[in-house]
Protein backbone atom coordinates (compact mmCIF):
# COMPACT_ATOMS: atom_id res chain seq x y z
CA MET A 1 229.43 49.28 65.35
CA ASN A 2 229.86 47.87 61.85
CA ARG A 3 233.18 46.03 61.73
CA ARG A 4 232.91 45.08 58.05
CA GLY A 5 234.38 47.09 55.23
CA PRO A 6 232.09 49.21 53.03
CA SER A 7 232.54 46.80 50.09
CA GLU A 8 230.96 43.98 52.10
CA THR A 9 227.57 45.65 52.56
CA LEU A 10 224.79 46.74 50.19
CA SER A 11 223.50 50.20 50.95
CA THR A 12 220.13 49.49 49.34
CA ILE A 13 219.48 46.59 51.73
CA GLU A 14 220.65 48.65 54.70
CA ARG A 15 218.28 51.42 53.65
CA GLY A 16 215.45 48.93 53.18
CA PHE A 17 215.78 47.69 56.74
CA GLU A 18 215.98 51.28 57.93
CA VAL A 19 212.61 51.84 56.23
CA VAL A 20 211.11 48.84 58.04
CA ARG A 21 212.48 49.86 61.44
CA THR A 22 211.23 53.41 60.95
CA LEU A 23 207.75 52.17 60.05
CA ARG A 24 207.75 50.20 63.29
CA GLN A 25 208.89 53.18 65.35
CA MET A 26 206.25 55.40 63.75
CA SER A 27 203.52 52.75 64.09
CA GLY A 28 202.90 53.09 60.37
CA ALA A 29 203.33 56.06 58.08
CA ARG A 30 202.32 57.67 54.80
CA VAL A 31 204.89 57.93 52.02
CA THR A 32 205.51 61.62 52.65
CA GLU A 33 205.80 61.12 56.42
CA LEU A 34 208.35 58.34 55.97
CA ALA A 35 210.29 60.37 53.42
CA GLU A 36 210.47 63.32 55.79
CA GLU A 37 211.54 61.13 58.71
CA LEU A 38 214.33 59.50 56.68
CA ASP A 39 215.28 62.64 54.76
CA MET A 40 214.74 61.01 51.37
CA ALA A 41 212.74 61.97 48.29
CA PRO A 42 209.07 60.86 48.39
CA SER A 43 209.61 59.02 45.09
CA THR A 44 212.48 57.04 46.66
CA ALA A 45 210.45 56.24 49.76
CA HIS A 46 207.61 55.02 47.54
CA LYS A 47 209.93 52.70 45.63
CA TYR A 48 211.22 51.12 48.83
CA LEU A 49 207.70 50.68 50.18
CA ALA A 50 206.40 49.27 46.89
CA THR A 51 209.24 46.73 46.77
CA LEU A 52 208.74 45.69 50.40
CA ALA A 53 204.99 45.41 49.83
CA GLN A 54 205.58 43.24 46.75
CA GLU A 55 207.64 40.90 48.94
CA ARG A 56 204.90 41.09 51.65
CA PHE A 57 207.14 42.59 54.29
CA VAL A 58 204.99 45.69 54.55
CA VAL A 59 201.25 46.13 54.00
CA LYS A 60 199.30 49.15 52.84
CA GLU A 61 196.22 50.07 54.83
CA GLY A 62 194.45 53.04 53.34
CA ASP A 63 197.22 55.54 52.62
CA GLU A 64 199.52 54.22 55.38
CA TYR A 65 202.15 51.50 55.26
CA HIS A 66 202.78 49.11 58.17
CA VAL A 67 205.19 46.28 58.96
CA GLY A 68 203.74 43.06 57.56
CA LEU A 69 203.19 39.67 59.16
CA GLU A 70 205.76 38.06 56.88
CA PHE A 71 208.20 38.98 59.64
CA LEU A 72 206.22 36.83 62.07
CA ASP A 73 207.18 33.67 60.20
CA LEU A 74 210.85 34.65 60.20
CA GLY A 75 210.75 35.72 63.83
CA THR A 76 209.07 32.50 64.95
CA TYR A 77 211.69 30.48 63.11
CA ALA A 78 214.54 32.47 64.70
CA LYS A 79 212.97 32.13 68.14
CA ASN A 80 212.78 28.34 67.86
CA ARG A 81 215.75 27.43 65.69
CA LYS A 82 217.84 26.04 68.57
CA LYS A 83 216.76 23.13 70.71
CA GLY A 84 217.66 25.00 73.89
CA TYR A 85 215.46 27.93 72.86
CA ARG A 86 212.49 25.57 72.51
CA LEU A 87 213.20 23.77 75.77
CA SER A 88 213.25 27.05 77.68
CA VAL A 89 209.60 27.85 76.90
CA PRO A 90 207.90 25.44 79.35
CA LYS A 91 210.58 26.16 81.95
CA VAL A 92 209.94 29.91 81.86
CA ARG A 93 206.23 29.24 82.31
CA GLU A 94 206.91 26.83 85.18
CA ILE A 95 209.22 29.29 86.93
CA ALA A 96 206.64 32.07 86.65
CA GLU A 97 203.99 29.80 88.19
CA GLU A 98 206.28 28.67 91.01
CA THR A 99 207.45 32.15 91.97
CA GLY A 100 204.40 34.26 91.10
CA GLU A 101 206.81 36.73 89.48
CA ARG A 102 207.89 37.49 85.92
CA ALA A 103 210.29 34.94 84.43
CA GLN A 104 212.26 35.15 81.20
CA PHE A 105 214.83 33.47 78.99
CA VAL A 106 217.40 35.83 77.47
CA VAL A 107 220.13 35.27 74.87
CA GLU A 108 222.97 37.43 73.60
CA GLU A 109 223.15 38.57 70.00
CA TYR A 110 225.38 41.32 68.66
CA GLY A 111 226.31 42.29 72.21
CA ARG A 112 222.77 42.90 73.44
CA GLY A 113 220.39 40.81 75.50
CA ILE A 114 217.37 39.57 73.52
CA TYR A 115 214.27 38.47 75.43
CA LEU A 116 213.16 35.23 73.73
CA HIS A 117 210.48 34.15 76.17
CA THR A 118 208.82 35.97 79.04
CA GLU A 119 205.95 34.89 81.27
CA ALA A 120 203.99 36.36 84.17
CA SER A 121 201.49 33.90 85.63
CA GLU A 122 199.96 36.14 88.30
CA ALA A 123 198.37 39.57 88.14
CA ARG A 124 200.80 40.86 90.77
CA ALA A 125 203.86 40.15 88.59
CA VAL A 126 205.64 43.25 87.31
CA LEU A 127 204.67 43.91 83.70
CA ILE A 128 207.31 46.30 82.42
CA ASP A 129 208.22 46.38 78.73
CA ARG A 130 210.12 43.11 78.41
CA ARG A 131 208.18 41.38 75.63
CA ALA A 132 209.83 38.85 73.34
CA GLY A 133 212.25 40.55 70.98
CA ILE A 134 213.14 43.45 73.25
CA ARG A 135 216.86 44.27 73.24
CA ARG A 136 218.53 45.34 76.48
CA TYR A 137 222.02 46.14 77.72
CA LEU A 138 223.72 43.12 79.26
CA HIS A 139 225.62 44.87 82.06
CA SER A 140 222.53 46.19 83.87
CA SER A 141 220.41 43.04 84.14
CA ALA A 142 220.73 39.79 86.06
CA ALA A 143 220.15 37.76 82.90
CA GLY A 144 222.69 39.82 81.00
CA LYS A 145 225.37 39.59 83.66
CA ALA A 146 224.89 35.82 83.87
CA ILE A 147 225.67 35.67 80.16
CA LEU A 148 228.61 38.08 80.31
CA ALA A 149 230.20 36.10 83.14
CA ASN A 150 230.29 33.05 80.87
CA LEU A 151 231.73 34.73 77.78
CA PRO A 152 235.46 34.92 77.02
CA GLU A 153 237.08 38.09 78.38
CA HIS A 154 237.92 39.36 74.91
CA ARG A 155 234.26 39.08 73.92
CA VAL A 156 233.19 41.01 77.03
CA ASP A 157 235.69 43.73 76.10
CA GLU A 158 234.29 43.86 72.55
CA ILE A 159 230.75 44.28 73.88
CA ILE A 160 231.77 47.06 76.27
CA ASP A 161 233.77 48.81 73.52
CA GLU A 162 230.76 48.69 71.20
CA HIS A 163 227.87 49.42 73.56
CA GLY A 164 229.52 51.07 76.54
CA LEU A 165 228.24 50.81 80.12
CA PRO A 166 225.44 53.41 80.19
CA ALA A 167 223.68 54.11 83.48
CA GLU A 168 220.01 53.10 83.52
CA THR A 169 219.64 53.94 87.23
CA GLU A 170 221.95 55.29 89.88
CA HIS A 171 222.77 51.67 90.81
CA THR A 172 223.96 50.55 87.36
CA ILE A 173 227.57 49.41 87.16
CA THR A 174 229.26 51.84 84.79
CA ASP A 175 232.93 51.14 85.55
CA ARG A 176 234.69 48.41 83.55
CA GLU A 177 236.81 47.14 86.45
CA GLU A 178 233.85 47.06 88.81
CA LEU A 179 231.95 45.02 86.25
CA ARG A 180 234.88 42.62 85.91
CA GLU A 181 234.85 42.06 89.67
CA GLU A 182 231.10 41.46 89.58
CA LEU A 183 231.44 38.94 86.75
CA ALA A 184 234.17 37.10 88.68
CA ARG A 185 231.80 36.74 91.66
CA ILE A 186 229.07 35.43 89.36
CA ARG A 187 231.39 32.79 87.92
CA GLU A 188 232.05 31.50 91.44
CA THR A 189 228.36 30.95 92.26
CA ASN A 190 226.70 30.74 88.81
CA VAL A 191 224.12 33.25 90.09
CA SER A 192 223.77 36.94 89.20
CA PHE A 193 221.73 39.67 90.87
CA ASN A 194 220.21 42.89 89.63
CA ASN A 195 219.58 45.21 92.56
CA GLU A 196 217.65 48.07 90.95
CA GLU A 197 220.32 48.41 88.25
CA SER A 198 217.98 48.51 85.26
CA VAL A 199 214.74 49.84 86.78
CA ASP A 200 214.27 51.65 90.08
CA GLY A 201 212.46 49.41 92.56
CA LEU A 202 213.08 46.22 90.55
CA ARG A 203 215.28 43.30 91.52
CA ALA A 204 216.13 40.18 89.56
CA VAL A 205 218.07 36.93 89.81
CA GLY A 206 219.69 35.20 86.84
CA VAL A 207 221.56 31.98 86.05
CA PRO A 208 223.32 30.85 82.85
CA VAL A 209 222.16 28.00 80.64
CA HIS A 210 224.83 26.16 78.64
CA GLY A 211 224.49 24.28 75.38
CA ALA A 212 225.78 20.82 74.56
CA ASP A 213 229.07 22.40 73.49
CA GLY A 214 229.57 23.88 76.95
CA LEU A 215 229.17 27.44 75.71
CA VAL A 216 226.60 29.77 77.25
CA LEU A 217 223.31 29.52 75.36
CA GLY A 218 221.36 32.10 77.36
CA SER A 219 220.07 32.72 80.86
CA LEU A 220 216.98 32.23 82.98
CA SER A 221 215.90 35.01 85.30
CA VAL A 222 213.14 36.10 87.65
CA SER A 223 212.22 39.76 88.21
CA GLY A 224 210.06 41.39 90.85
CA PRO A 225 209.66 44.47 93.03
CA SER A 226 212.35 44.97 95.65
CA ASN A 227 209.78 44.86 98.46
CA ARG A 228 209.01 41.22 97.53
CA LEU A 229 212.38 40.00 96.27
CA LYS A 230 214.41 40.27 99.45
CA GLY A 231 216.06 38.22 102.18
CA SER A 232 216.44 34.48 101.69
CA LEU A 233 213.86 34.46 98.86
CA TYR A 234 216.08 36.76 96.82
CA ARG A 235 219.46 35.41 97.85
CA GLU A 236 218.77 31.67 98.25
CA GLU A 237 215.35 30.31 97.26
CA ILE A 238 215.00 31.84 93.79
CA PRO A 239 218.67 31.19 92.90
CA ASP A 240 218.30 27.51 93.88
CA LEU A 241 215.07 27.25 91.89
CA LEU A 242 216.66 28.77 88.78
CA LEU A 243 219.79 26.62 89.04
CA GLY A 244 217.62 23.52 89.16
CA HIS A 245 215.64 24.49 86.07
CA ALA A 246 218.79 25.50 84.19
CA ASN A 247 220.30 22.10 84.98
CA GLU A 248 217.19 20.35 83.63
CA ILE A 249 217.36 22.32 80.38
CA GLU A 250 221.05 21.49 79.98
CA LEU A 251 220.42 17.78 80.57
CA ASN A 252 217.56 17.76 78.06
CA ILE A 253 219.71 19.54 75.48
CA ARG A 254 222.35 16.85 75.80
CA TYR A 255 220.25 13.72 76.16
CA SER A 256 216.66 14.16 74.96
């Protein structure tokens, strides 16, 4: 949802980013293919592509245009611009090695969960599509719920109003009051659980990580198949492990 007035945005820039996102979705495209997809004149599509290519944000390979590596520099900067983001990298790797499962560090931006770092140290770890940069709903993941539980209530309401509570599985919480109760439980323990709420057969544990200002910076989580993440491992051992690593990150943010 765009909360700004029309006078505060430039339609040409919005359209330019739409071109880039469409190129990504199409895994590259010819001018005519892009024009058809975006319902614009081929001459207009060509002008956008030519401008983006001049600025090195798209590249032309044969008669197709693709997203350029100029975005890699910007993305790497964004991924590392906060001290806490950088400190989470070795911790995610360490957690993956200690658990043998997939570990990740997730932050909230514009009401969605963004996977900044993800690591799977063993072949048995679940390798679903959770690469860096992936955006996910917050209400259906352990990492996301750990973040939501540490946001002001008015911000949680804004996120729900904008993105809703769509069901990803039959176990996803889709009722606002039920989610509020879940977030209250998470605040009491600082631990969140995802019991097949985002992917059938997948469980996860999450804990918040706070910045030096006391505000939630992101969350650490571990994901694995429900046949392995169960019993005391799921409810006690992994939560204790994550809480310890989160505490170390928070101490390093403040004092290193």
